[in-house]
PDB file of N, CA and C in Angstrom:
ATOM      1  N   MET A   1      34.120 -32.984 -14.862  1.00  0.00           N
ATOM      2  CA  MET A   1      33.452 -31.884 -14.178  1.00  0.00           C
ATOM      3  C   MET A   1      32.851 -30.620 -14.918  1.00  0.00           C
ATOM      4  N   ASN A   2      33.213 -30.322 -16.237  1.00  0.00           N
ATOM      5  CA  ASN A   2      32.791 -29.376 -17.084  1.00  0.00           C
ATOM      6  C   ASN A   2      31.545 -30.016 -17.594  1.00  0.00           C
ATOM      7  N   THR A   3      31.345 -31.120 -18.026  1.00  0.00           N
ATOM      8  CA  THR A   3      30.023 -31.530 -18.372  1.00  0.00           C
ATOM      9  C   THR A   3      28.965 -31.605 -17.362  1.00  0.00           C
ATOM     10  N   LEU A   4      29.179 -31.824 -15.975  1.00  0.00           N
ATOM     11  CA  LEU A   4      28.419 -31.690 -14.995  1.00  0.00           C
ATOM     12  C   LEU A   4      27.944 -30.063 -14.943  1.00  0.00           C
ATOM     13  N   LEU A   5      29.036 -29.409 -14.941  1.00  0.00           N
ATOM     14  CA  LEU A   5      28.583 -27.827 -14.803  1.00  0.00           C
ATOM     15  C   LEU A   5      27.510 -27.383 -15.845  1.00  0.00           C
ATOM     16  N   LEU A   6      27.935 -28.102 -17.217  1.00  0.00           N
ATOM     17  CA  LEU A   6      27.133 -27.627 -18.293  1.00  0.00           C
ATOM     18  C   LEU A   6      25.918 -28.131 -18.357  1.00  0.00           C
ATOM     19  N   LYS A   7      25.750 -29.325 -17.729  1.00  0.00           N
ATOM     20  CA  LYS A   7      24.332 -29.813 -17.108  1.00  0.00           C
ATOM     21  C   LYS A   7      23.344 -29.438 -16.523  1.00  0.00           C
ATOM     22  N   SER A   8      24.189 -28.561 -15.296  1.00  0.00           N
ATOM     23  CA  SER A   8      23.314 -27.889 -14.699  1.00  0.00           C
ATOM     24  C   SER A   8      22.994 -26.759 -15.101  1.00  0.00           C
ATOM     25  N   PHE A   9      23.622 -25.671 -15.922  1.00  0.00           N
ATOM     26  CA  PHE A   9      23.258 -24.674 -16.372  1.00  0.00           C
ATOM     27  C   PHE A   9      22.493 -24.969 -17.404  1.00  0.00           C
ATOM     28  N   THR A  10      22.428 -25.984 -18.192  1.00  0.00           N
ATOM     29  CA  THR A  10      21.071 -26.117 -19.007  1.00  0.00           C
ATOM     30  C   THR A  10      19.861 -26.379 -18.518  1.00  0.00           C
ATOM     31  N   LEU A  11      20.005 -27.330 -17.124  1.00  0.00           N
ATOM     32  CA  LEU A  11      18.702 -27.419 -16.852  1.00  0.00           C
ATOM     33  C   LEU A  11      18.250 -26.201 -16.070  1.00  0.00           C
ATOM     34  N   ALA A  12      19.002 -25.357 -15.569  1.00  0.00           N
ATOM     35  CA  ALA A  12      18.746 -24.233 -14.928  1.00  0.00           C
ATOM     36  C   ALA A  12      17.891 -22.983 -15.946  1.00  0.00           C
ATOM     37  N   ALA A  13      18.651 -23.038 -17.142  1.00  0.00           N
ATOM     38  CA  ALA A  13      18.010 -22.348 -18.353  1.00  0.00           C
ATOM     39  C   ALA A  13      16.488 -23.019 -18.857  1.00  0.00           C
ATOM     40  N   VAL A  14      16.460 -24.220 -18.654  1.00  0.00           N
ATOM     41  CA  VAL A  14      15.301 -24.899 -19.151  1.00  0.00           C
ATOM     42  C   VAL A  14      14.307 -24.714 -18.363  1.00  0.00           C
ATOM     43  N   ALA A  15      14.758 -24.714 -16.900  1.00  0.00           N
ATOM     44  CA  ALA A  15      13.707 -24.491 -15.776  1.00  0.00           C
ATOM     45  C   ALA A  15      13.220 -22.952 -15.967  1.00  0.00           C
ATOM     46  N   ALA A  16      14.107 -22.051 -16.090  1.00  0.00           N
ATOM     47  CA  ALA A  16      13.831 -20.812 -16.167  1.00  0.00           C
ATOM     48  C   ALA A  16      12.838 -20.408 -17.327  1.00  0.00           C
ATOM     49  N   THR A  17      12.738 -21.085 -18.470  1.00  0.00           N
ATOM     50  CA  THR A  17      11.917 -20.756 -19.621  1.00  0.00           C
ATOM     51  C   THR A  17      10.569 -21.551 -19.199  1.00  0.00           C
ATOM     52  N   MET A  18      10.344 -22.524 -18.541  1.00  0.00           N
ATOM     53  CA  MET A  18       9.358 -22.878 -18.223  1.00  0.00           C
ATOM     54  C   MET A  18       8.487 -22.463 -17.038  1.00  0.00           C
ATOM     55  N   ILE A  19       8.949 -21.164 -16.134  1.00  0.00           N
ATOM     56  CA  ILE A  19       8.346 -20.677 -15.335  1.00  0.00           C
ATOM     57  C   ILE A  19       7.220 -19.573 -16.005  1.00  0.00           C
ATOM     58  N   PRO A  20       5.956 -19.900 -15.694  1.00  0.00           N
ATOM     59  CA  PRO A  20       4.838 -19.125 -16.356  1.00  0.00           C
ATOM     60  C   PRO A  20       5.222 -17.515 -15.804  1.00  0.00           C
ATOM     61  N   VAL A  21       5.048 -16.493 -16.524  1.00  0.00           N
ATOM     62  CA  VAL A  21       5.245 -15.307 -16.419  1.00  0.00           C
ATOM     63  C   VAL A  21       3.645 -14.812 -15.975  1.00  0.00           C
ATOM     64  N   THR A  22       3.842 -14.673 -14.505  1.00  0.00           N
ATOM     65  CA  THR A  22       2.297 -14.377 -13.907  1.00  0.00           C
ATOM     66  C   THR A  22       2.040 -12.944 -13.721  1.00  0.00           C
ATOM     67  N   GLY A  23       3.162 -12.216 -13.104  1.00  0.00           N
ATOM     68  CA  GLY A  23       3.272 -10.718 -12.527  1.00  0.00           C
ATOM     69  C   GLY A  23       3.550  -9.982 -13.671  1.00  0.00           C
ATOM     70  N   GLN A  24       2.547  -9.127 -13.757  1.00  0.00           N
ATOM     71  CA  GLN A  24       2.656  -8.135 -14.725  1.00  0.00           C
ATOM     72  C   GLN A  24       2.581  -6.995 -13.971  1.00  0.00           C
ATOM     73  N   ALA A  25       3.164  -5.714 -14.767  1.00  0.00           N
ATOM     74  CA  ALA A  25       3.180  -4.600 -14.146  1.00  0.00           C
ATOM     75  C   ALA A  25       1.693  -3.682 -14.074  1.00  0.00           C
ATOM     76  N   ARG A  26       1.334  -3.435 -12.865  1.00  0.00           N
ATOM     77  CA  ARG A  26      -0.174  -2.907 -12.747  1.00  0.00           C
ATOM     78  C   ARG A  26      -0.389  -1.498 -12.887  1.00  0.00           C
ATOM     79  N   THR A  27      -1.380  -0.818 -13.845  1.00  0.00           N
ATOM     80  CA  THR A  27      -1.522   0.033 -14.275  1.00  0.00           C
ATOM     81  C   THR A  27      -1.774   0.864 -13.134  1.00  0.00           C
ATOM     82  N   LYS A  28      -1.128   2.268 -12.976  1.00  0.00           N
ATOM     83  CA  LYS A  28      -1.259   3.372 -12.084  1.00  0.00           C
ATOM     84  C   LYS A  28      -2.724   4.099 -12.102  1.00  0.00           C
ATOM     85  N   MET A  29      -2.934   4.312 -11.040  1.00  0.00           N
ATOM     86  CA  MET A  29      -4.194   5.195 -11.126  1.00  0.00           C
ATOM     87  C   MET A  29      -3.888   6.779 -11.026  1.00  0.00           C
ATOM     88  N   SER A  30      -4.940   7.624 -11.701  1.00  0.00           N
ATOM     89  CA  SER A  30      -4.610   8.806 -11.273  1.00  0.00           C
ATOM     90  C   SER A  30      -4.435   9.371 -10.151  1.00  0.00           C
ATOM     91  N   PHE A  31      -3.775  10.429  -9.920  1.00  0.00           N
ATOM     92  CA  PHE A  31      -3.325  11.246  -8.654  1.00  0.00           C
ATOM     93  C   PHE A  31      -4.776  11.510  -7.826  1.00  0.00           C
ATOM     94  N   ASP A  32      -5.820  11.972  -8.306  1.00  0.00           N
ATOM     95  CA  ASP A  32      -6.842  12.112  -7.677  1.00  0.00           C
ATOM     96  C   ASP A  32      -7.653  10.690  -7.287  1.00  0.00           C
ATOM     97  N   GLN A  33      -7.629   9.738  -8.212  1.00  0.00           N
ATOM     98  CA  GLN A  33      -8.067   8.445  -7.755  1.00  0.00           C
ATOM     99  C   GLN A  33      -7.426   7.906  -6.679  1.00  0.00           C
ATOM    100  N   ALA A  34      -5.970   7.905  -6.699  1.00  0.00           N
ATOM    101  CA  ALA A  34      -5.513   7.554  -5.368  1.00  0.00           C
ATOM    102  C   ALA A  34      -5.587   8.060  -4.306  1.00  0.00           C
ATOM    103  N   VAL A  35      -5.537   9.392  -4.493  1.00  0.00           N
ATOM    104  CA  VAL A  35      -6.185  10.335  -3.073  1.00  0.00           C
ATOM    105  C   VAL A  35      -7.476  10.074  -2.600  1.00  0.00           C
ATOM    106  N   GLN A  36      -8.452   9.541  -3.494  1.00  0.00           N
ATOM    107  CA  GLN A  36      -9.879   9.463  -3.014  1.00  0.00           C
ATOM    108  C   GLN A  36      -9.595   7.795  -2.059  1.00  0.00           C
ATOM    109  N   VAL A  37      -8.681   6.808  -2.776  1.00  0.00           N
ATOM    110  CA  VAL A  37      -8.965   5.520  -2.006  1.00  0.00           C
ATOM    111  C   VAL A  37      -8.026   5.472  -0.625  1.00  0.00           C
ATOM    112  N   CYS A  38      -6.720   6.387  -0.978  1.00  0.00           N
ATOM    113  CA  CYS A  38      -5.983   6.335   0.349  1.00  0.00           C
ATOM    114  C   CYS A  38      -6.471   6.978   1.138  1.00  0.00           C
ATOM    115  N   THR A  39      -7.268   8.079   0.931  1.00  0.00           N
ATOM    116  CA  THR A  39      -8.134   8.924   1.851  1.00  0.00           C
ATOM    117  C   THR A  39      -8.833   7.697   2.814  1.00  0.00           C
ATOM    118  N   ASP A  40      -9.781   7.123   2.015  1.00  0.00           N
ATOM    119  CA  ASP A  40     -10.676   6.419   2.627  1.00  0.00           C
ATOM    120  C   ASP A  40     -10.030   5.131   3.581  1.00  0.00           C
ATOM    121  N   ARG A  41      -8.727   4.870   3.046  1.00  0.00           N
ATOM    122  CA  ARG A  41      -7.673   4.018   3.759  1.00  0.00           C
ATOM    123  C   ARG A  41      -7.220   4.446   5.136  1.00  0.00           C
ATOM    124  N   ALA A  42      -6.947   5.886   5.059  1.00  0.00           N
ATOM    125  CA  ALA A  42      -6.623   6.391   6.518  1.00  0.00           C
ATOM    126  C   ALA A  42      -7.334   6.789   6.936  1.00  0.00           C
ATOM    127  N   VAL A  43      -8.710   7.141   6.949  1.00  0.00           N
ATOM    128  CA  VAL A  43      -9.660   7.127   7.789  1.00  0.00           C
ATOM    129  C   VAL A  43     -10.146   5.753   8.672  1.00  0.00           C
ATOM    130  N   GLN A  44     -10.091   4.711   7.751  1.00  0.00           N
ATOM    131  CA  GLN A  44     -10.196   3.553   8.271  1.00  0.00           C
ATOM    132  C   GLN A  44      -9.210   3.291   8.973  1.00  0.00           C
ATOM    133  N   PHE A  45      -7.977   3.409   8.668  1.00  0.00           N
ATOM    134  CA  PHE A  45      -6.758   3.083   9.531  1.00  0.00           C
ATOM    135  C   PHE A  45      -6.567   3.846  10.989  1.00  0.00           C
ATOM    136  N   GLY A  46      -7.289   5.237  10.700  1.00  0.00           N
ATOM    137  CA  GLY A  46      -7.107   5.873  11.993  1.00  0.00           C
ATOM    138  C   GLY A  46      -8.158   5.531  12.914  1.00  0.00           C
ATOM    139  N   ARG A  47      -9.281   4.525  12.812  1.00  0.00           N
ATOM    140  CA  ARG A  47     -10.288   4.410  13.683  1.00  0.00           C
ATOM    141  C   ARG A  47      -9.911   3.012  14.184  1.00  0.00           C
ATOM    142  N   GLN A  48      -8.836   2.364  13.727  1.00  0.00           N
ATOM    143  CA  GLN A  48      -8.784   0.884  14.233  1.00  0.00           C
ATOM    144  C   GLN A  48      -7.782   1.197  15.922  1.00  0.00           C
ATOM    145  N   PRO A  49      -7.985   0.199  16.514  1.00  0.00           N
ATOM    146  CA  PRO A  49      -7.172   0.377  17.593  1.00  0.00           C
ATOM    147  C   PRO A  49      -5.625  -0.052  17.369  1.00  0.00           C
ATOM    148  N   TYR A  50      -4.624   0.570  17.930  1.00  0.00           N
ATOM    149  CA  TYR A  50      -3.266   0.713  17.469  1.00  0.00           C
ATOM    150  C   TYR A  50      -2.332   0.674  18.578  1.00  0.00           C
ATOM    151  N   GLY A  51      -1.309  -0.011  18.652  1.00  0.00           N
ATOM    152  CA  GLY A  51      -0.511  -0.111  19.897  1.00  0.00           C
ATOM    153  C   GLY A  51      -0.954  -1.264  21.041  1.00  0.00           C
ATOM    154  N   ARG A  52       0.175  -1.350  21.761  1.00  0.00           N
ATOM    155  CA  ARG A  52      -0.166  -2.205  22.734  1.00  0.00           C
ATOM    156  C   ARG A  52      -1.466  -1.880  23.557  1.00  0.00           C
ATOM    157  N   TYR A  53      -1.736  -0.741  23.976  1.00  0.00           N
ATOM    158  CA  TYR A  53      -2.859  -0.350  24.789  1.00  0.00           C
ATOM    159  C   TYR A  53      -4.141   0.000  23.780  1.00  0.00           C
ATOM    160  N   ALA A  54      -3.979  -0.323  22.651  1.00  0.00           N
ATOM    161  CA  ALA A  54      -5.168   0.011  21.678  1.00  0.00           C
ATOM    162  C   ALA A  54      -5.682   1.412  21.493  1.00  0.00           C
ATOM    163  N   GLY A  55      -4.814   2.222  21.436  1.00  0.00           N
ATOM    164  CA  GLY A  55      -5.074   3.823  21.588  1.00  0.00           C
ATOM    165  C   GLY A  55      -5.406   3.930  19.991  1.00  0.00           C
ATOM    166  N   GLU A  56      -5.562   5.344  19.631  1.00  0.00           N
ATOM    167  CA  GLU A  56      -5.516   5.946  18.225  1.00  0.00           C
ATOM    168  C   GLU A  56      -4.263   5.740  17.658  1.00  0.00           C
ATOM    169  N   PRO A  57      -4.077   5.485  16.579  1.00  0.00           N
ATOM    170  CA  PRO A  57      -2.643   5.560  15.828  1.00  0.00           C
ATOM    171  C   PRO A  57      -2.226   7.219  16.002  1.00  0.00           C
ATOM    172  N   PRO A  58      -0.892   7.210  16.109  1.00  0.00           N
ATOM    173  CA  PRO A  58      -0.099   8.597  16.204  1.00  0.00           C
ATOM    174  C   PRO A  58      -0.252   9.253  14.824  1.00  0.00           C
ATOM    175  N   GLU A  59      -0.421  10.513  14.724  1.00  0.00           N
ATOM    176  CA  GLU A  59      -0.513  11.327  13.374  1.00  0.00           C
ATOM    177  C   GLU A  59       0.265  11.020  12.463  1.00  0.00           C
ATOM    178  N   ASN A  60       1.569  11.039  12.597  1.00  0.00           N
ATOM    179  CA  ASN A  60       2.740  10.821  11.607  1.00  0.00           C
ATOM    180  C   ASN A  60       2.723   9.325  11.116  1.00  0.00           C
ATOM    181  N   ARG A  61       2.103   8.378  11.831  1.00  0.00           N
ATOM    182  CA  ARG A  61       2.012   7.204  11.571  1.00  0.00           C
ATOM    183  C   ARG A  61       0.944   6.866  10.478  1.00  0.00           C
ATOM    184  N   VAL A  62      -0.424   7.726  10.508  1.00  0.00           N
ATOM    185  CA  VAL A  62      -1.313   7.853   9.542  1.00  0.00           C
ATOM    186  C   VAL A  62      -0.848   8.377   8.257  1.00  0.00           C
ATOM    187  N   GLN A  63      -0.209   9.720   8.535  1.00  0.00           N
ATOM    188  CA  GLN A  63       0.225  10.407   7.429  1.00  0.00           C
ATOM    189  C   GLN A  63       1.044   9.732   6.474  1.00  0.00           C
ATOM    190  N   THR A  64       2.164   9.270   7.087  1.00  0.00           N
ATOM    191  CA  THR A  64       3.154   8.275   6.458  1.00  0.00           C
ATOM    192  C   THR A  64       2.468   6.942   5.732  1.00  0.00           C
ATOM    193  N   GLU A  65       1.831   6.357   6.127  1.00  0.00           N
ATOM    194  CA  GLU A  65       0.739   5.305   5.314  1.00  0.00           C
ATOM    195  C   GLU A  65       0.000   5.587   4.202  1.00  0.00           C
ATOM    196  N   TYR A  66      -0.658   7.224   4.263  1.00  0.00           N
ATOM    197  CA  TYR A  66      -1.396   7.933   3.400  1.00  0.00           C
ATOM    198  C   TYR A  66      -0.250   8.090   2.309  1.00  0.00           C
ATOM    199  N   ARG A  67       0.609   8.556   2.670  1.00  0.00           N
ATOM    200  CA  ARG A  67       1.629   8.962   1.731  1.00  0.00           C
ATOM    201  C   ARG A  67       2.256   7.790   0.504  1.00  0.00           C
ATOM    202  N   ALA A  68       2.673   7.082   1.473  1.00  0.00           N
ATOM    203  CA  ALA A  68       2.860   5.655   0.694  1.00  0.00           C
ATOM    204  C   ALA A  68       2.150   4.903  -0.159  1.00  0.00           C
ATOM    205  N   CYS A  69       0.794   5.238   0.634  1.00  0.00           N
ATOM    206  CA  CYS A  69      -0.387   4.582  -0.397  1.00  0.00           C
ATOM    207  C   CYS A  69      -0.698   5.479  -1.886  1.00  0.00           C
ATOM    208  N   VAL A  70      -0.600   6.869  -1.719  1.00  0.00           N
ATOM    209  CA  VAL A  70      -0.861   7.598  -2.748  1.00  0.00           C
ATOM    210  C   VAL A  70       0.375   7.326  -3.846  1.00  0.00           C
ATOM    211  N   TYR A  71       1.567   7.069  -3.181  1.00  0.00           N
ATOM    212  CA  TYR A  71       2.878   7.017  -4.138  1.00  0.00           C
ATOM    213  C   TYR A  71       2.796   5.659  -4.705  1.00  0.00           C
ATOM    214  N   ALA A  72       2.388   4.589  -3.895  1.00  0.00           N
ATOM    215  CA  ALA A  72       2.104   3.113  -4.766  1.00  0.00           C
ATOM    216  C   ALA A  72       1.274   3.237  -5.827  1.00  0.00           C
ATOM    217  N   ASN A  73       0.075   3.748  -5.523  1.00  0.00           N
ATOM    218  CA  ASN A  73      -0.971   3.658  -6.475  1.00  0.00           C
ATOM    219  C   ASN A  73      -0.688   4.783  -7.893  1.00  0.00           C
ATOM    220  N   SER A  74      -0.291   5.982  -7.318  1.00  0.00           N
ATOM    221  CA  SER A  74      -0.173   6.844  -8.582  1.00  0.00           C
ATOM    222  C   SER A  74       1.164   7.204  -9.299  1.00  0.00           C
ATOM    223  N   GLY A  75       2.428   7.046  -8.427  1.00  0.00           N
ATOM    224  CA  GLY A  75       3.625   7.414  -8.618  1.00  0.00           C
ATOM    225  C   GLY A  75       4.027   8.761  -8.048  1.00  0.00           C
ATOM    226  N   GLN A  76       3.054   9.759  -7.470  1.00  0.00           N
ATOM    227  CA  GLN A  76       3.294  11.035  -7.157  1.00  0.00           C
ATOM    228  C   GLN A  76       2.854  10.932  -5.723  1.00  0.00           C
ATOM    229  N   TYR A  77       3.967  12.130  -4.878  1.00  0.00           N
ATOM    230  CA  TYR A  77       3.647  11.961  -3.565  1.00  0.00           C
ATOM    231  C   TYR A  77       2.569  13.376  -3.305  1.00  0.00           C
ATOM    232  N   PRO A  78       1.648  13.212  -2.367  1.00  0.00           N
ATOM    233  CA  PRO A  78       0.850  14.323  -1.939  1.00  0.00           C
ATOM    234  C   PRO A  78       1.694  15.263  -1.275  1.00  0.00           C
ATOM    235  N   THR A  79       1.214  16.549  -1.342  1.00  0.00           N
ATOM    236  CA  THR A  79       1.651  17.638  -0.624  1.00  0.00           C
ATOM    237  C   THR A  79       0.958  18.067   0.415  1.00  0.00           C
ATOM    238  N   ALA A  80      -0.486  17.837   0.473  1.00  0.00           N
ATOM    239  CA  ALA A  80      -0.953  18.040   1.736  1.00  0.00           C
ATOM    240  C   ALA A  80      -1.627  16.915   2.680  1.00  0.00           C
ATOM    241  N   LYS A  81      -1.644  17.148   3.913  1.00  0.00           N
ATOM    242  CA  LYS A  81      -1.923  16.123   4.899  1.00  0.00           C
ATOM    243  C   LYS A  81      -3.263  15.809   4.597  1.00  0.00           C
ATOM    244  N   VAL A  82      -3.615  14.354   4.964  1.00  0.00           N
ATOM    245  CA  VAL A  82      -5.218  13.768   4.826  1.00  0.00           C
ATOM    246  C   VAL A  82      -5.612  14.234   6.099  1.00  0.00           C
ATOM    247  N   GLN A  83      -7.277  14.442   6.122  1.00  0.00           N
ATOM    248  CA  GLN A  83      -7.995  14.743   7.056  1.00  0.00           C
ATOM    249  C   GLN A  83      -8.523  13.216   7.229  1.00  0.00           C
ATOM    250  N   TYR A  84      -8.408  12.660   8.367  1.00  0.00           N
ATOM    251  CA  TYR A  84      -8.513  11.329   8.613  1.00  0.00           C
ATOM    252  C   TYR A  84      -9.650  11.315   9.785  1.00  0.00           C
ATOM    253  N   ARG A  85      -9.591  12.479  10.688  1.00  0.00           N
ATOM    254  CA  ARG A  85     -10.566  12.316  11.794  1.00  0.00           C
ATOM    255  C   ARG A  85     -11.885  13.216  11.508  1.00  0.00           C
ATOM    256  N   ASP A  86     -12.880  12.873  11.967  1.00  0.00           N
ATOM    257  CA  ASP A  86     -14.022  13.379  11.734  1.00  0.00           C
ATOM    258  C   ASP A  86     -14.246  14.768  12.686  1.00  0.00           C
ATOM    259  N   SER A  87     -15.100  15.641  12.228  1.00  0.00           N
ATOM    260  CA  SER A  87     -15.107  16.637  13.142  1.00  0.00           C
ATOM    261  C   SER A  87     -15.965  16.161  14.702  1.00  0.00           C
ATOM    262  N   ILE A  88     -16.282  16.833  15.505  1.00  0.00           N
ATOM    263  CA  ILE A  88     -16.720  16.288  16.769  1.00  0.00           C
ATOM    264  C   ILE A  88     -18.375  16.502  16.380  1.00  0.00           C
ATOM    265  N   LEU A  89     -18.960  17.464  15.476  1.00  0.00           N
ATOM    266  CA  LEU A  89     -20.209  17.388  15.352  1.00  0.00           C
ATOM    267  C   LEU A  89     -20.645  16.269  14.574  1.00  0.00           C
ATOM    268  N   THR A  90     -19.966  15.504  13.795  1.00  0.00           N
ATOM    269  CA  THR A  90     -20.324  14.569  12.572  1.00  0.00           C
ATOM    270  C   THR A  90     -20.172  13.264  13.689  1.00  0.00           C
ATOM    271  N   LEU A  91     -19.383  13.175  14.273  1.00  0.00           N
ATOM    272  CA  LEU A  91     -19.285  12.547  15.491  1.00  0.00           C
ATOM    273  C   LEU A  91     -20.584  12.122  16.252  1.00  0.00           C
ATOM    274  N   LEU A  92     -20.839  13.615  16.919  1.00  0.00           N
ATOM    275  CA  LEU A  92     -21.872  13.392  17.906  1.00  0.00           C
ATOM    276  C   LEU A  92     -23.107  12.992  17.038  1.00  0.00           C
ATOM    277  N   LYS A  93     -23.558  13.640  15.935  1.00  0.00           N
ATOM    278  CA  LYS A  93     -24.677  13.143  15.037  1.00  0.00           C
ATOM    279  C   LYS A  93     -24.923  11.662  14.642  1.00  0.00           C
ATOM    280  N   ASP A  94     -23.683  10.958  14.509  1.00  0.00           N
ATOM    281  CA  ASP A  94     -23.839   9.490  14.348  1.00  0.00           C
ATOM    282  C   ASP A  94     -24.168   8.630  15.621  1.00  0.00           C
ATOM    283  N   ALA A  95     -23.723   8.982  16.640  1.00  0.00           N
ATOM    284  CA  ALA A  95     -24.028   8.780  17.980  1.00  0.00           C
ATOM    285  C   ALA A  95     -25.489   8.674  18.291  1.00  0.00           C
ATOM    286  N   PHE A  96     -26.037   9.865  17.844  1.00  0.00           N
ATOM    287  CA  PHE A  96     -27.437   9.796  18.476  1.00  0.00           C
ATOM    288  C   PHE A  96     -28.481   9.595  17.282  1.00  0.00           C
TER     289      PHE A  96
END
């Protein structure tokens, strides 16, 4: 019984050393770069249909996604809210 257990541990150790190491730590962006990238993502997310009736996503959902994105990319939380909706003048200019 002990030899079977020893063989199992040996095989597990050999198998663990044969697994290639593919995942490396991703380098973090600067805070300003992360804010720029995540602002673009928040604007895109804010324009997509959301929910059962395909309305706009709620404000708190967009802000939560934005803060999570910035933290994941830079390791720092933003203090300001993201402006993800265009003004009505910009929207009217794009329409005509």
